C-alpha atoms as a PDB file:
ATOM      1  CA  MET A   1      95.149 136.252  97.011  1.00  0.00           C
ATOM      2  CA  LYS A   2      98.750 136.701  95.227  1.00  0.00           C
ATOM      3  CA  LYS A   3      98.770 134.808  91.869  1.00  0.00           C
ATOM      4  CA  MET A   4     101.835 132.609  91.134  1.00  0.00           C
ATOM      5  CA  THR A   5     104.274 132.210  88.076  1.00  0.00           C
ATOM      6  CA  ILE A   6     104.103 128.659  86.695  1.00  0.00           C
ATOM      7  CA  SER A   7     107.498 128.369  87.771  1.00  0.00           C
ATOM      8  CA  GLN A   8     106.325 129.290  91.491  1.00  0.00           C
ATOM      9  CA  HIS A   9     102.993 126.087  90.787  1.00  0.00           C
ATOM     10  CA  PHE A  10     105.789 123.349  89.512  1.00  0.00           C
ATOM     11  CA  ALA A  11     107.823 124.115  92.774  1.00  0.00           C
ATOM     12  CA  GLU A  12     104.704 124.168  94.850  1.00  0.00           C
ATOM     13  CA  LEU A  13     103.831 120.600  93.300  1.00  0.00           C
ATOM     14  CA  ARG A  14     107.320 119.363  93.511  1.00  0.00           C
ATOM     15  CA  ARG A  15     107.116 120.351  97.078  1.00  0.00           C
ATOM     16  CA  ARG A  16     104.308 118.313  97.448  1.00  0.00           C
ATOM     17  CA  ILE A  17     104.785 115.263  96.076  1.00  0.00           C
ATOM     18  CA  LEU A  18     108.193 114.882  98.087  1.00  0.00           C
ATOM     19  CA  TRP A  19     105.983 115.271 101.047  1.00  0.00           C
ATOM     20  CA  VAL A  20     103.869 112.089  99.764  1.00  0.00           C
ATOM     21  CA  ALA A  21     106.947 110.294  98.528  1.00  0.00           C
ATOM     22  CA  ALA A  22     108.298 110.771 101.863  1.00  0.00           C
ATOM     23  CA  VAL A  23     105.325 109.930 104.165  1.00  0.00           C
ATOM     24  CA  PHE A  24     105.570 106.710 102.009  1.00  0.00           C
ATOM     25  CA  GLY A  25     108.789 105.875 102.533  1.00  0.00           C
ATOM     26  CA  VAL A  26     108.768 106.230 106.203  1.00  0.00           C
ATOM     27  CA  LEU A  27     105.457 103.824 106.146  1.00  0.00           C
ATOM     28  CA  PHE A  28     106.832 101.763 104.062  1.00  0.00           C
ATOM     29  CA  LEU A  29     109.300 100.672 106.641  1.00  0.00           C
ATOM     30  CA  ILE A  30     106.999 100.976 109.178  1.00  0.00           C
ATOM     31  CA  GLY A  31     104.640  98.379 107.272  1.00  0.00           C
ATOM     32  CA  MET A  32     107.820  95.684 106.922  1.00  0.00           C
ATOM     33  CA  VAL A  33     107.506  95.847 110.539  1.00  0.00           C
ATOM     34  CA  VAL A  34     103.790  95.295 110.755  1.00  0.00           C
ATOM     35  CA  ALA A  35     103.809  93.259 108.096  1.00  0.00           C
ATOM     36  CA  PRO A  36     103.458  89.661 109.806  1.00  0.00           C
ATOM     37  CA  SER A  37     100.453  90.985 111.885  1.00  0.00           C
ATOM     38  CA  ILE A  38      98.713  92.495 108.584  1.00  0.00           C
ATOM     39  CA  GLN A  39      99.241  88.484 107.076  1.00  0.00           C
ATOM     40  CA  GLN A  40      97.689  87.355 110.581  1.00  0.00           C
ATOM     41  CA  TRP A  41      94.855  89.322 109.498  1.00  0.00           C
ATOM     42  CA  LEU A  42      94.427  88.780 106.072  1.00  0.00           C
ATOM     43  CA  THR A  43      94.394  85.027 107.321  1.00  0.00           C
ATOM     44  CA  TRP A  44      92.061  85.201 109.681  1.00  0.00           C
ATOM     45  CA  PRO A  45      88.361  84.793 108.055  1.00  0.00           C
ATOM     46  CA  LEU A  46      90.142  81.806 106.819  1.00  0.00           C
ATOM     47  CA  MET A  47      91.664  80.349 109.889  1.00  0.00           C
ATOM     48  CA  ASN A  48      88.601  81.223 111.613  1.00  0.00           C
ATOM     49  CA  ILE A  49      86.485  78.576 109.877  1.00  0.00           C
ATOM     50  CA  TRP A  50      89.554  76.537 109.139  1.00  0.00           C
ATOM     51  CA  PRO A  51      91.510  76.322 112.300  1.00  0.00           C
ATOM     52  CA  ASP A  52      93.842  73.050 111.426  1.00  0.00           C
ATOM     53  CA  GLY A  53      94.514  74.304 108.268  1.00  0.00           C
ATOM     54  CA  THR A  54      98.144  75.118 106.852  1.00  0.00           C
ATOM     55  CA  LEU A  55      99.142  77.317 104.027  1.00  0.00           C
ATOM     56  CA  LEU A  56     102.393  76.779 101.998  1.00  0.00           C
ATOM     57  CA  TYR A  57     104.870  78.739 101.120  1.00  0.00           C
ATOM     58  CA  THR A  58     106.558  77.444  97.719  1.00  0.00           C
ATOM     59  CA  GLY A  59     109.734  79.139  97.341  1.00  0.00           C
ATOM     60  CA  LEU A  60     112.921  80.345  99.958  1.00  0.00           C
ATOM     61  CA  THR A  61     111.776  84.202  98.857  1.00  0.00           C
ATOM     62  CA  ASP A  62     108.379  84.153  99.313  1.00  0.00           C
ATOM     63  CA  GLY A  63     108.327  85.095 103.025  1.00  0.00           C
ATOM     64  CA  LEU A  64     110.110  88.594 101.861  1.00  0.00           C
ATOM     65  CA  MET A  65     108.052  89.264  98.941  1.00  0.00           C
ATOM     66  CA  ILE A  66     104.719  89.401 100.901  1.00  0.00           C
ATOM     67  CA  ASN A  67     106.608  91.392 103.767  1.00  0.00           C
ATOM     68  CA  PHE A  68     107.252  93.810 101.120  1.00  0.00           C
ATOM     69  CA  SER A  69     104.345  93.741  98.822  1.00  0.00           C
ATOM     70  CA  LEU A  70     101.786  93.746 102.327  1.00  0.00           C
ATOM     71  CA  ALA A  71     104.787  96.524 103.231  1.00  0.00           C
ATOM     72  CA  GLY A  72     103.807  98.645 100.428  1.00  0.00           C
ATOM     73  CA  LEU A  73      99.812  97.939 100.483  1.00  0.00           C
ATOM     74  CA  PHE A  74     100.230  99.156 103.771  1.00  0.00           C
ATOM     75  CA  ALA A  75     102.017 102.570 102.842  1.00  0.00           C
ATOM     76  CA  LEU A  76      99.954 103.145 100.225  1.00  0.00           C
ATOM     77  CA  MET A  77      96.544 102.720 101.814  1.00  0.00           C
ATOM     78  CA  ILE A  78      97.697 105.473 104.853  1.00  0.00           C
ATOM     79  CA  THR A  79      99.632 107.468 101.989  1.00  0.00           C
ATOM     80  CA  LEU A  80      96.277 107.855  99.672  1.00  0.00           C
ATOM     81  CA  PRO A  81      94.332 110.113 102.033  1.00  0.00           C
ATOM     82  CA  PHE A  82      97.300 112.388 102.387  1.00  0.00           C
ATOM     83  CA  GLY A  83      98.248 112.511  98.890  1.00  0.00           C
ATOM     84  CA  LEU A  84      93.965 113.233  98.088  1.00  0.00           C
ATOM     85  CA  TRP A  85      94.620 115.648 100.685  1.00  0.00           C
ATOM     86  CA  GLN A  86      97.981 117.511  99.008  1.00  0.00           C
ATOM     87  CA  VAL A  87      95.703 117.597  95.698  1.00  0.00           C
ATOM     88  CA  TRP A  88      93.083 119.640  97.391  1.00  0.00           C
ATOM     89  CA  ALA A  89      95.500 121.631  98.695  1.00  0.00           C
ATOM     90  CA  PHE A  90      97.352 122.288  95.310  1.00  0.00           C
ATOM     91  CA  VAL A  91      93.852 122.992  93.474  1.00  0.00           C
ATOM     92  CA  GLU A  92      92.060 124.570  96.020  1.00  0.00           C
ATOM     93  CA  PRO A  93      93.024 128.474  95.676  1.00  0.00           C
ATOM     94  CA  GLY A  94      92.009 128.081  92.189  1.00  0.00           C
ATOM     95  CA  LEU A  95      88.779 126.472  92.600  1.00  0.00           C
ATOM     96  CA  LYS A  96      85.399 128.628  93.146  1.00  0.00           C
ATOM     97  CA  LYS A  97      83.158 128.739  96.874  1.00  0.00           C
ATOM     98  CA  LYS A  98      80.795 126.315  94.458  1.00  0.00           C
ATOM     99  CA  GLU A  99      83.276 123.839  93.387  1.00  0.00           C
ATOM    100  CA  ARG A 100      85.045 123.512  96.464  1.00  0.00           C
ATOM    101  CA  GLY A 101      81.861 122.453  98.161  1.00  0.00           C
ATOM    102  CA  PHE A 102      81.207 120.026  95.719  1.00  0.00           C
ATOM    103  CA  ILE A 103      84.723 118.408  95.642  1.00  0.00           C
ATOM    104  CA  TRP A 104      85.015 118.201  99.534  1.00  0.00           C
ATOM    105  CA  PRO A 105      82.120 115.560  99.604  1.00  0.00           C
ATOM    106  CA  ILE A 106      83.796 113.430  97.556  1.00  0.00           C
ATOM    107  CA  LEU A 107      87.204 113.320  98.519  1.00  0.00           C
ATOM    108  CA  ILE A 108      85.245 111.990 102.239  1.00  0.00           C
ATOM    109  CA  LEU A 109      83.091 109.954 100.679  1.00  0.00           C
ATOM    110  CA  SER A 110      84.982 107.841  98.622  1.00  0.00           C
ATOM    111  CA  PRO A 111      87.560 106.429 101.300  1.00  0.00           C
ATOM    112  CA  VAL A 112      84.095 105.723 103.252  1.00  0.00           C
ATOM    113  CA  LEU A 113      82.640 104.332 100.707  1.00  0.00           C
ATOM    114  CA  PHE A 114      86.084 101.851  99.671  1.00  0.00           C
ATOM    115  CA  LEU A 115      86.128 101.089 103.607  1.00  0.00           C
ATOM    116  CA  LEU A 116      82.684  99.902 103.985  1.00  0.00           C
ATOM    117  CA  GLY A 117      83.410  97.708 100.938  1.00  0.00           C
ATOM    118  CA  ALA A 118      86.207  95.946 101.362  1.00  0.00           C
ATOM    119  CA  GLY A 119      84.793  95.704 105.270  1.00  0.00           C
ATOM    120  CA  PHE A 120      82.186  93.647 103.907  1.00  0.00           C
ATOM    121  CA  ALA A 121      84.182  91.465 101.337  1.00  0.00           C
ATOM    122  CA  PHE A 122      86.090  90.670 104.566  1.00  0.00           C
ATOM    123  CA  PHE A 123      83.486  90.238 107.216  1.00  0.00           C
ATOM    124  CA  VAL A 124      80.641  89.279 105.679  1.00  0.00           C
ATOM    125  CA  LEU A 125      81.620  87.414 101.829  1.00  0.00           C
ATOM    126  CA  PHE A 126      85.022  85.953 103.605  1.00  0.00           C
ATOM    127  CA  PRO A 127      83.425  83.337 106.091  1.00  0.00           C
ATOM    128  CA  VAL A 128      80.995  82.128 103.591  1.00  0.00           C
ATOM    129  CA  VAL A 129      82.964  81.659 100.541  1.00  0.00           C
ATOM    130  CA  PHE A 130      85.997  80.082 102.108  1.00  0.00           C
ATOM    131  CA  LYS A 131      83.829  78.150 104.294  1.00  0.00           C
ATOM    132  CA  PHE A 132      82.270  76.882 100.960  1.00  0.00           C
ATOM    133  CA  PHE A 133      86.143  76.266  99.272  1.00  0.00           C
ATOM    134  CA  VAL A 134      87.172  74.191 102.269  1.00  0.00           C
ATOM    135  CA  GLU A 135      83.883  71.531 102.547  1.00  0.00           C
ATOM    136  CA  LEU A 136      84.170  71.645  98.711  1.00  0.00           C
ATOM    137  CA  ASN A 137      87.650  70.303  98.707  1.00  0.00           C
ATOM    138  CA  GLN A 138      87.541  68.215 102.015  1.00  0.00           C
ATOM    139  CA  VAL A 139      84.913  66.288  99.990  1.00  0.00           C
ATOM    140  CA  ALA A 140      86.544  65.464  97.208  1.00  0.00           C
ATOM    141  CA  PRO A 141      86.051  62.493  95.499  1.00  0.00           C
ATOM    142  CA  VAL A 142      89.777  61.424  95.755  1.00  0.00           C
ATOM    143  CA  PRO A 143      93.098  61.537  98.769  1.00  0.00           C
ATOM    144  CA  SER A 144      93.794  65.414  98.392  1.00  0.00           C
ATOM    145  CA  VAL A 145      95.519  67.843 100.853  1.00  0.00           C
ATOM    146  CA  LEU A 146      94.289  71.322 100.939  1.00  0.00           C
ATOM    147  CA  MET A 147      97.182  73.242 101.276  1.00  0.00           C
ATOM    148  CA  PRO A 148      96.367  76.693  99.649  1.00  0.00           C
ATOM    149  CA  ALA A 149      99.575  78.704  98.800  1.00  0.00           C
ATOM    150  CA  VAL A 150     100.763  81.945 101.033  1.00  0.00           C
ATOM    151  CA  ARG A 151     100.949  84.093  97.765  1.00  0.00           C
ATOM    152  CA  ASP A 152      98.168  83.210  95.853  1.00  0.00           C
ATOM    153  CA  TYR A 153      95.614  83.063  98.838  1.00  0.00           C
ATOM    154  CA  LEU A 154      96.789  86.778  99.580  1.00  0.00           C
ATOM    155  CA  GLY A 155      96.835  87.925  96.416  1.00  0.00           C
ATOM    156  CA  PHE A 156      92.863  86.445  95.721  1.00  0.00           C
ATOM    157  CA  ALA A 157      92.144  87.844  99.226  1.00  0.00           C
ATOM    158  CA  ILE A 158      93.689  91.682  98.535  1.00  0.00           C
ATOM    159  CA  GLY A 159      91.625  91.383  94.803  1.00  0.00           C
ATOM    160  CA  MET A 160      88.621  91.087  96.432  1.00  0.00           C
ATOM    161  CA  LEU A 161      89.480  93.213  99.194  1.00  0.00           C
ATOM    162  CA  LYS A 162      89.815  96.083  95.866  1.00  0.00           C
ATOM    163  CA  VAL A 163      86.952  94.669  93.759  1.00  0.00           C
ATOM    164  CA  PHE A 164      84.466  95.131  97.004  1.00  0.00           C
ATOM    165  CA  GLY A 165      85.808  98.774  97.217  1.00  0.00           C
ATOM    166  CA  ILE A 166      85.960 100.100  94.339  1.00  0.00           C
ATOM    167  CA  ALA A 167      82.637  98.641  93.425  1.00  0.00           C
ATOM    168  CA  PHE A 168      81.103 100.499  96.532  1.00  0.00           C
ATOM    169  CA  GLN A 169      81.889 103.480  94.939  1.00  0.00           C
ATOM    170  CA  LEU A 170      79.128 103.339  92.166  1.00  0.00           C
ATOM    171  CA  PRO A 171      76.761 106.104  94.143  1.00  0.00           C
ATOM    172  CA  LEU A 172      79.720 108.025  94.195  1.00  0.00           C
ATOM    173  CA  VAL A 173      79.875 108.323  90.206  1.00  0.00           C
ATOM    174  CA  LEU A 174      76.131 107.904  90.013  1.00  0.00           C
ATOM    175  CA  VAL A 175      75.423 111.052  91.994  1.00  0.00           C
ATOM    176  CA  LEU A 176      78.378 112.843  90.524  1.00  0.00           C
ATOM    177  CA  LEU A 177      77.423 112.348  87.336  1.00  0.00           C
ATOM    178  CA  ASN A 178      73.565 114.103  88.195  1.00  0.00           C
ATOM    179  CA  ARG A 179      74.817 116.742  89.919  1.00  0.00           C
ATOM    180  CA  ILE A 180      76.689 117.916  86.803  1.00  0.00           C
ATOM    181  CA  GLY A 181      73.859 117.268  84.276  1.00  0.00           C
ATOM    182  CA  VAL A 182      75.184 113.931  82.752  1.00  0.00           C
ATOM    183  CA  LEU A 183      72.772 111.962  84.115  1.00  0.00           C
ATOM    184  CA  LYS A 184      69.131 112.978  84.642  1.00  0.00           C
ATOM    185  CA  LYS A 185      67.100 110.580  87.113  1.00  0.00           C
ATOM    186  CA  THR A 186      64.052 109.516  85.072  1.00  0.00           C
ATOM    187  CA  GLN A 187      66.843 108.012  83.133  1.00  0.00           C
ATOM    188  CA  MET A 188      68.218 106.092  85.615  1.00  0.00           C
ATOM    189  CA  MET A 189      65.123 104.535  86.361  1.00  0.00           C
ATOM    190  CA  THR A 190      64.175 103.547  82.827  1.00  0.00           C
ATOM    191  CA  TRP A 191      67.516 102.033  82.623  1.00  0.00           C
ATOM    192  CA  ARG A 192      67.442 100.110  85.598  1.00  0.00           C
ATOM    193  CA  ARG A 193      66.554  97.010  84.067  1.00  0.00           C
ATOM    194  CA  TYR A 194      69.663  97.032  81.763  1.00  0.00           C
ATOM    195  CA  ALA A 195      71.890  98.462  85.031  1.00  0.00           C
ATOM    196  CA  ILE A 196      70.363  95.142  86.426  1.00  0.00           C
ATOM    197  CA  ILE A 197      71.870  92.986  84.074  1.00  0.00           C
ATOM    198  CA  LEU A 198      75.267  94.804  83.913  1.00  0.00           C
ATOM    199  CA  ILE A 199      75.401  94.576  87.614  1.00  0.00           C
ATOM    200  CA  VAL A 200      74.986  90.750  87.266  1.00  0.00           C
ATOM    201  CA  VAL A 201      77.418  90.329  84.243  1.00  0.00           C
ATOM    202  CA  ALA A 202      80.078  92.265  86.420  1.00  0.00           C
ATOM    203  CA  ALA A 203      79.731  90.331  89.305  1.00  0.00           C
ATOM    204  CA  ALA A 204      80.384  86.975  87.259  1.00  0.00           C
ATOM    205  CA  VAL A 205      83.599  88.913  86.091  1.00  0.00           C
ATOM    206  CA  LEU A 206      84.812  90.057  89.067  1.00  0.00           C
ATOM    207  CA  THR A 207      84.133  87.407  91.546  1.00  0.00           C
ATOM    208  CA  PRO A 208      85.706  83.388  91.914  1.00  0.00           C
ATOM    209  CA  PRO A 209      82.814  81.066  89.719  1.00  0.00           C
ATOM    210  CA  ASP A 210      80.476  80.478  92.305  1.00  0.00           C
ATOM    211  CA  VAL A 211      76.943  81.723  92.775  1.00  0.00           C
ATOM    212  CA  VAL A 212      77.198  82.743  96.404  1.00  0.00           C
ATOM    213  CA  SER A 213      79.993  85.297  95.650  1.00  0.00           C
ATOM    214  CA  GLN A 214      78.735  86.506  92.810  1.00  0.00           C
ATOM    215  CA  LEU A 215      74.946  87.429  94.684  1.00  0.00           C
ATOM    216  CA  MET A 216      76.825  88.898  97.331  1.00  0.00           C
ATOM    217  CA  LEU A 217      78.429  91.424  95.171  1.00  0.00           C
ATOM    218  CA  ALA A 218      75.596  91.846  92.531  1.00  0.00           C
ATOM    219  CA  ILE A 219      72.749  92.235  95.840  1.00  0.00           C
ATOM    220  CA  PRO A 220      74.568  94.576  97.655  1.00  0.00           C
ATOM    221  CA  LEU A 221      75.768  96.530  93.773  1.00  0.00           C
ATOM    222  CA  TRP A 222      71.799  96.370  93.186  1.00  0.00           C
ATOM    223  CA  LEU A 223      70.881  98.222  96.680  1.00  0.00           C
ATOM    224  CA  LEU A 224      73.642 100.767  95.957  1.00  0.00           C
ATOM    225  CA  PHE A 225      72.205 101.703  92.549  1.00  0.00           C
ATOM    226  CA  GLU A 226      68.966 102.490  93.969  1.00  0.00           C
ATOM    227  CA  ILE A 227      69.986 104.149  96.963  1.00  0.00           C
ATOM    228  CA  SER A 228      72.093 106.442  94.246  1.00  0.00           C
ATOM    229  CA  ILE A 229      68.342 107.162  92.716  1.00  0.00           C
ATOM    230  CA  LEU A 230      67.242 108.244  95.823  1.00  0.00           C
ATOM    231  CA  CYS A 231      70.610 110.759  96.578  1.00  0.00           C
ATOM    232  CA  MET A 232      70.113 112.449  92.488  1.00  0.00           C
ATOM    233  CA  ARG A 233      68.034 115.343  91.937  1.00  0.00           C
ATOM    234  CA  GLN A 234      64.796 115.190  90.521  1.00  0.00           C
ATOM    235  CA  GLU A 235      65.496 117.529  86.810  1.00  0.00           C
END
């Protein structure tokens, strides 16, 4: 393979960045069109267990700002795999065969694990947590009307999807550290009790202050930790 000069490397990098920016821009415009559908999809877990519920717009610009935010999120989520592929295409010529075979599974598994985590939050956690909060507010000891702000709800929902998506990267990180020699399988088995404590603390910090949400993050993380140990090499 012909070696490239530094200026050629920078030109190649700029070209790939411009491609990623162009794809993001086009997807952002598409996102503005599909933003109402995304909003309806994100509110489905709440509306499904609270069919007579109403969400509140607290400002005149809420609708526009929410569409902008959802369009940006839509564009980012779809552009990210394309961006990762561009990064891979840029660095791949300089990698050894062994390094290429090591990085490919990471690029594939990371988005898959993120989607699994977000899907778990959306389809398992949200219905349970939202039902708990709605019923709790409906039996308030004083006269009250439950009407959550749309921006608050979407911020909470998207935040939880990100938390679970990132949390489900745990096996990938641990196995990666094991393969590069930083962590040994025997060490992880010895540290299991401390890891469980850290998982419980992390779940308490990252989720709403109710036991149900905390358990629904802590238990999958503990299972993922155990799966990580099984996937590690014995050295």
